[in-house]
Protein backbone atom coordinates (compact mmCIF):
# COMPACT_ATOMS: atom_id res chain seq x y z
CA MET A 1 -0.06 0.11 -0.10
CA LEU A 2 1.67 3.55 -1.04
CA CYS A 3 1.75 6.35 1.93
CA SER A 4 1.34 9.77 1.92
CA LEU A 5 4.66 11.40 2.60
CA GLU A 6 2.64 14.51 3.82
CA VAL A 7 0.41 12.30 6.10
CA GLN A 8 2.62 9.67 7.94
CA ASP A 9 5.88 10.55 9.40
CA ASP A 10 6.81 7.20 9.85
CA CYS A 11 6.80 6.26 6.20
CA VAL A 12 10.22 6.56 4.74
CA ARG A 13 10.48 5.93 1.15
CA THR A 14 13.80 3.86 0.59
CA ILE A 15 15.47 4.36 -3.02
CA ALA A 16 18.68 2.62 -3.94
CA ILE A 17 20.42 4.27 -6.59
CA ALA A 18 22.62 1.46 -8.35
CA ASN A 19 24.42 0.98 -11.72
CA GLN A 20 27.23 -1.75 -11.47
CA LYS A 21 29.30 0.16 -14.03
CA GLY A 22 31.33 2.98 -12.58
CA GLY A 23 31.60 6.54 -13.42
CA VAL A 24 27.97 7.18 -14.16
CA ALA A 25 27.62 9.61 -11.55
CA LYS A 26 25.83 7.47 -8.90
CA THR A 27 27.34 9.19 -5.75
CA VAL A 28 27.09 12.51 -7.34
CA THR A 29 23.10 11.87 -7.74
CA THR A 30 22.62 10.38 -4.75
CA VAL A 31 24.32 13.79 -2.76
CA ASN A 32 22.26 16.14 -4.75
CA LEU A 33 18.99 14.66 -5.07
CA GLY A 34 19.37 13.99 -1.49
CA ALA A 35 20.30 17.41 -0.91
CA ALA A 36 17.17 18.99 -3.56
CA LEU A 37 14.66 17.14 -1.48
CA ALA A 38 15.94 18.20 1.49
CA GLN A 39 15.92 21.93 -0.12
CA MET A 40 12.05 20.90 -0.25
CA GLY A 41 11.40 20.54 3.32
CA LYS A 42 11.66 16.73 3.10
CA ARG A 43 14.03 14.88 6.04
CA VAL A 44 16.55 12.86 4.37
CA LEU A 45 18.89 9.66 5.17
CA LEU A 46 21.74 9.35 3.24
CA ILE A 47 23.28 6.04 3.41
CA ASP A 48 26.95 5.26 2.08
CA LEU A 49 27.15 1.64 1.19
CA ASP A 50 30.45 2.25 -1.35
CA PRO A 51 33.89 1.54 0.83
CA GLN A 52 35.02 4.16 -1.21
CA GLY A 53 33.11 6.67 1.17
CA ASN A 54 32.79 9.56 -1.76
CA LEU A 55 29.33 10.30 -0.54
CA SER A 56 30.42 10.64 2.66
CA LEU A 57 32.93 13.03 2.03
CA SER A 58 30.95 14.79 -0.47
CA VAL A 59 28.45 15.86 2.61
CA GLY A 60 31.58 16.75 4.77
CA VAL A 61 31.86 13.63 6.96
CA GLY A 62 35.33 11.97 6.63
CA ALA A 63 35.78 8.38 5.81
CA THR A 64 37.34 6.43 8.28
CA ALA A 65 40.08 3.28 8.25
CA GLU A 66 38.10 1.83 11.46
CA GLU A 67 34.77 0.26 11.28
CA PRO A 68 32.71 2.84 9.68
CA PRO A 69 28.88 3.04 10.74
CA ALA A 70 27.52 1.71 7.62
CA TYR A 71 29.72 -1.52 8.70
CA GLY A 72 27.73 -1.41 11.77
CA LEU A 73 24.38 -0.84 9.95
CA LEU A 74 24.74 -4.13 8.28
CA THR A 75 26.59 -6.05 10.87
CA GLY A 76 24.41 -5.24 13.77
CA GLY A 77 26.72 -3.15 15.72
CA GLY A 78 24.83 -0.46 18.05
CA LYS A 79 21.58 0.88 17.24
CA VAL A 80 20.63 2.63 14.05
CA GLY A 81 19.85 5.85 15.24
CA ALA A 82 23.36 5.71 16.79
CA LEU A 83 24.99 5.24 13.40
CA ILE A 84 23.22 8.11 11.70
CA GLU A 85 25.46 11.63 11.79
CA GLY A 86 23.85 15.27 11.02
CA THR A 87 25.14 17.26 8.47
CA ALA A 88 25.85 20.70 7.67
CA TRP A 89 22.53 21.34 6.02
CA GLU A 90 18.88 21.11 7.74
CA GLY A 91 17.18 17.95 6.84
CA LEU A 92 19.97 16.09 5.52
CA SER A 93 21.55 13.21 7.59
CA VAL A 94 24.14 10.03 6.61
CA VAL A 95 25.23 6.82 7.14
CA SER A 96 28.94 7.30 6.58
CA SER A 97 31.08 4.64 4.91
CA GLY A 98 35.00 3.33 5.06
CA ILE A 99 37.23 0.98 3.32
CA ALA A 100 36.56 -1.33 6.29
CA LEU A 101 33.04 -2.11 4.84
CA ALA A 102 34.58 -4.42 2.30
CA ALA A 103 35.29 -6.95 4.75
CA VAL A 104 31.91 -7.19 5.29
CA GLU A 105 31.49 -9.55 2.21
CA VAL A 106 33.45 -11.80 3.32
CA ARG A 107 32.26 -12.07 6.93
CA PHE A 108 29.10 -12.84 5.43
CA ALA A 109 29.85 -15.12 2.87
CA GLY A 110 27.76 -18.39 2.69
CA VAL A 111 25.32 -16.80 5.26
CA LYS A 112 21.77 -17.62 4.30
CA ASP A 113 19.88 -14.61 3.42
CA GLY A 114 22.85 -12.56 3.73
CA HIS A 115 21.49 -9.89 1.36
CA LEU A 116 18.22 -9.29 3.38
CA ARG A 117 20.31 -8.13 6.54
CA LEU A 118 19.96 -4.34 5.44
CA ARG A 119 16.15 -4.67 5.40
CA GLU A 120 16.08 -6.02 8.90
CA ARG A 121 18.12 -3.42 10.11
CA LEU A 122 16.17 -0.90 8.23
CA LYS A 123 12.67 -2.19 9.33
CA GLY A 124 10.91 0.42 12.32
CA LEU A 125 13.37 3.50 10.74
CA LYS A 126 11.40 6.72 11.65
CA GLY A 127 11.85 10.50 11.49
CA TYR A 128 12.36 10.86 7.56
CA ASP A 129 10.78 11.18 4.30
CA PHE A 130 13.54 9.36 2.12
CA ALA A 131 16.34 7.15 2.49
CA LEU A 132 18.88 7.02 -0.63
CA ILE A 133 21.35 4.31 -0.65
CA ASP A 134 24.45 4.74 -2.52
CA THR A 135 26.07 1.71 -3.83
CA PRO A 136 29.35 0.48 -5.25
CA PRO A 137 29.85 -0.31 -8.80
CA SER A 138 29.40 -4.00 -8.57
CA LEU A 139 26.50 -6.11 -8.32
CA GLY A 140 27.56 -8.06 -5.32
CA PHE A 141 26.91 -8.42 -1.67
CA LEU A 142 26.38 -4.42 -1.11
CA THR A 143 24.57 -3.43 -3.90
CA LEU A 144 22.34 -6.99 -3.11
CA ASN A 145 21.67 -5.50 0.38
CA ALA A 146 20.47 -2.33 -0.93
CA LEU A 147 18.16 -3.59 -3.52
CA ALA A 148 16.60 -6.07 -1.10
CA ALA A 149 15.80 -3.17 1.54
CA ALA A 150 15.10 -0.73 -1.13
CA ALA A 151 10.94 -0.18 -2.26
CA GLU A 152 12.67 1.18 -5.38
CA ALA A 153 15.58 1.41 -7.74
CA LEU A 154 16.88 4.57 -9.43
CA VAL A 155 19.47 3.87 -12.15
CA PRO A 156 22.12 6.48 -13.31
CA VAL A 157 23.22 6.13 -17.21
CA GLN A 158 25.88 8.13 -18.45
CA CYS A 159 25.10 9.09 -22.11
CA SER A 160 27.51 6.93 -23.79
CA PHE A 161 27.07 3.81 -25.67
CA LEU A 162 29.30 1.54 -23.69
CA ALA A 163 27.35 2.36 -20.65
CA MET A 164 23.88 1.45 -21.84
CA GLN A 165 25.42 -2.18 -22.51
CA GLY A 166 25.10 -3.07 -18.52
CA LEU A 167 21.34 -2.17 -18.21
CA ARG A 168 20.10 -5.70 -19.29
CA GLN A 169 22.09 -7.22 -16.60
CA LEU A 170 21.10 -4.92 -13.98
CA LEU A 171 17.16 -5.06 -14.96
CA GLU A 172 17.88 -8.97 -14.56
CA THR A 173 19.54 -8.27 -10.95
CA LEU A 174 16.19 -6.27 -10.26
CA GLU A 175 14.25 -9.11 -11.41
CA ALA A 176 16.11 -11.66 -9.30
CA VAL A 177 16.04 -9.26 -6.22
CA ARG A 178 12.19 -9.49 -6.58
CA GLY A 179 12.23 -13.16 -6.29
CA HIS A 180 14.57 -13.58 -3.29
CA GLY A 181 13.22 -11.49 -0.74
CA ASN A 182 11.94 -8.14 -2.19
CA ALA A 183 8.76 -9.16 -4.27
CA GLY A 184 7.82 -5.19 -4.29
CA LEU A 185 10.91 -3.58 -5.61
CA ARG A 186 9.68 -1.21 -8.34
CA LEU A 187 12.09 0.64 -11.00
CA CYS A 188 11.53 4.36 -9.99
CA GLY A 189 13.80 5.66 -13.36
CA LEU A 190 16.18 6.10 -15.59
CA VAL A 191 18.39 9.37 -15.37
CA LEU A 192 20.48 10.15 -17.98
CA THR A 193 23.95 11.60 -16.78
CA MET A 194 26.82 13.61 -18.16
CA TYR A 195 24.49 14.57 -21.09
CA ASP A 196 26.46 17.02 -23.07
CA ARG A 197 23.65 18.69 -26.02
CA ARG A 198 26.25 19.50 -28.29
CA THR A 199 27.98 16.15 -28.91
CA ARG A 200 25.96 13.94 -31.43
CA HIS A 201 26.49 10.83 -29.34
CA SER A 202 24.92 12.23 -26.13
CA ARG A 203 21.98 13.24 -28.22
CA GLU A 204 21.87 9.34 -29.93
CA VAL A 205 22.10 7.70 -26.52
CA LEU A 206 19.20 9.52 -24.91
CA GLY A 207 17.01 8.92 -28.03
CA ARG A 208 17.57 5.44 -27.68
CA VAL A 209 17.06 5.21 -24.18
CA GLN A 210 14.00 7.41 -24.17
CA GLU A 211 12.26 5.28 -27.03
CA HIS A 212 13.73 1.84 -25.41
CA PHE A 213 12.44 2.45 -21.85
CA GLY A 214 9.60 5.33 -22.38
CA ASP A 215 8.05 6.86 -19.38
CA LEU A 216 10.50 5.23 -17.01
CA VAL A 217 13.45 7.62 -18.21
CA PHE A 218 13.19 10.80 -16.30
CA GLU A 219 12.41 13.80 -18.25
CA SER A 220 15.06 15.51 -16.61
CA TYR A 221 18.92 14.54 -17.57
CA ILE A 222 21.91 15.64 -15.86
CA PRO A 223 24.55 17.72 -17.75
CA ARG A 224 28.05 16.82 -17.76
CA ALA A 225 29.53 19.49 -15.73
CA VAL A 226 33.09 20.10 -13.78
CA ALA A 227 31.30 21.96 -11.16
CA CYS A 228 30.57 18.18 -9.74
CA ASP A 229 34.05 17.43 -9.25
CA TYR A 230 34.66 20.63 -7.39
CA SER A 231 31.57 20.42 -5.02
CA THR A 232 32.69 17.30 -4.25
CA VAL A 233 36.25 18.35 -3.03
CA ALA A 234 35.02 20.77 -1.00
CA GLY A 235 32.43 18.40 0.72
CA GLU A 236 29.35 20.36 -0.25
CA PRO A 237 26.55 19.18 -2.25
CA LEU A 238 26.19 21.08 -5.90
CA VAL A 239 23.06 22.25 -5.30
CA PHE A 240 24.16 23.94 -2.24
CA SER A 241 27.40 25.38 -3.36
CA ASP A 242 26.00 26.19 -6.93
CA PRO A 243 22.73 26.42 -6.82
CA ASP A 244 22.09 28.17 -10.05
CA SER A 245 24.40 26.00 -11.82
CA PRO A 246 22.82 23.86 -14.95
CA ALA A 247 23.59 20.59 -12.98
CA ALA A 248 22.09 21.98 -9.72
CA ARG A 249 18.79 23.30 -11.32
CA ALA A 250 18.76 19.44 -13.00
CA TYR A 251 18.96 17.58 -10.03
CA ARG A 252 16.19 19.87 -8.18
CA ASN A 253 14.18 18.80 -11.62
CA LEU A 254 15.06 15.29 -10.88
CA ALA A 255 13.62 15.88 -7.09
CA ARG A 256 10.18 17.02 -8.08
CA GLU A 257 9.90 13.86 -10.80
CA VAL A 258 10.99 11.45 -7.90
CA LEU A 259 8.19 13.10 -5.39
CA LYS A 260 5.65 13.15 -8.48
CA ARG A 261 6.10 9.45 -9.00
CA ALA A 262 5.53 8.36 -4.94
């Protein structure tokens, strides 16, 4: 049953941002979609499930070499609320990551229903409108946990033909997750990233994805922007650091579309 975020405070809309290909702007999309939703008055929890910890750095929370909060989230180390950190921006919180998170896959190798650990830990999560889960560039243990815990998957797709090649495998993985613990998982949509309207290549990729996936493709597409790299280094989401930039406006438009798809 769908619930209205405006009416029920304890209904958390959980979205996994996933694509097994690296360099497609998963982390930038997670951070800036979350920041845009926070700007709109939503309470957003960002969960960093990538051992590289780039999402954590992008919101000014340094990655740690010790067991990071995301490790405790998956292993049961402490109450979930104690693993959540605030950020400098109202409405935006984070469960940060670090390189030690990579060990969690070895720890739970062969454990029955290991891919459901995050799902169990997030049961009863309250106080947020959205939980956005950033995933590593693979379809391994961490990404499967994110997909099993989420109600929806949002897929960033870089505007290149090579980036399109892995979509079939990802969609097959979504179907497999539906059959093994998360029957209600749905595809929220595909968002085209690193779009350069000056190049024929970008325009052709955009057209092909729209033709093949139809309404599943968000109308908002994210332009290529070096400002995204600078904002990551600064530890500040682009929608806050450069709110009038084309990419920041695109992420705010994406946030509005995500709200409409509730």
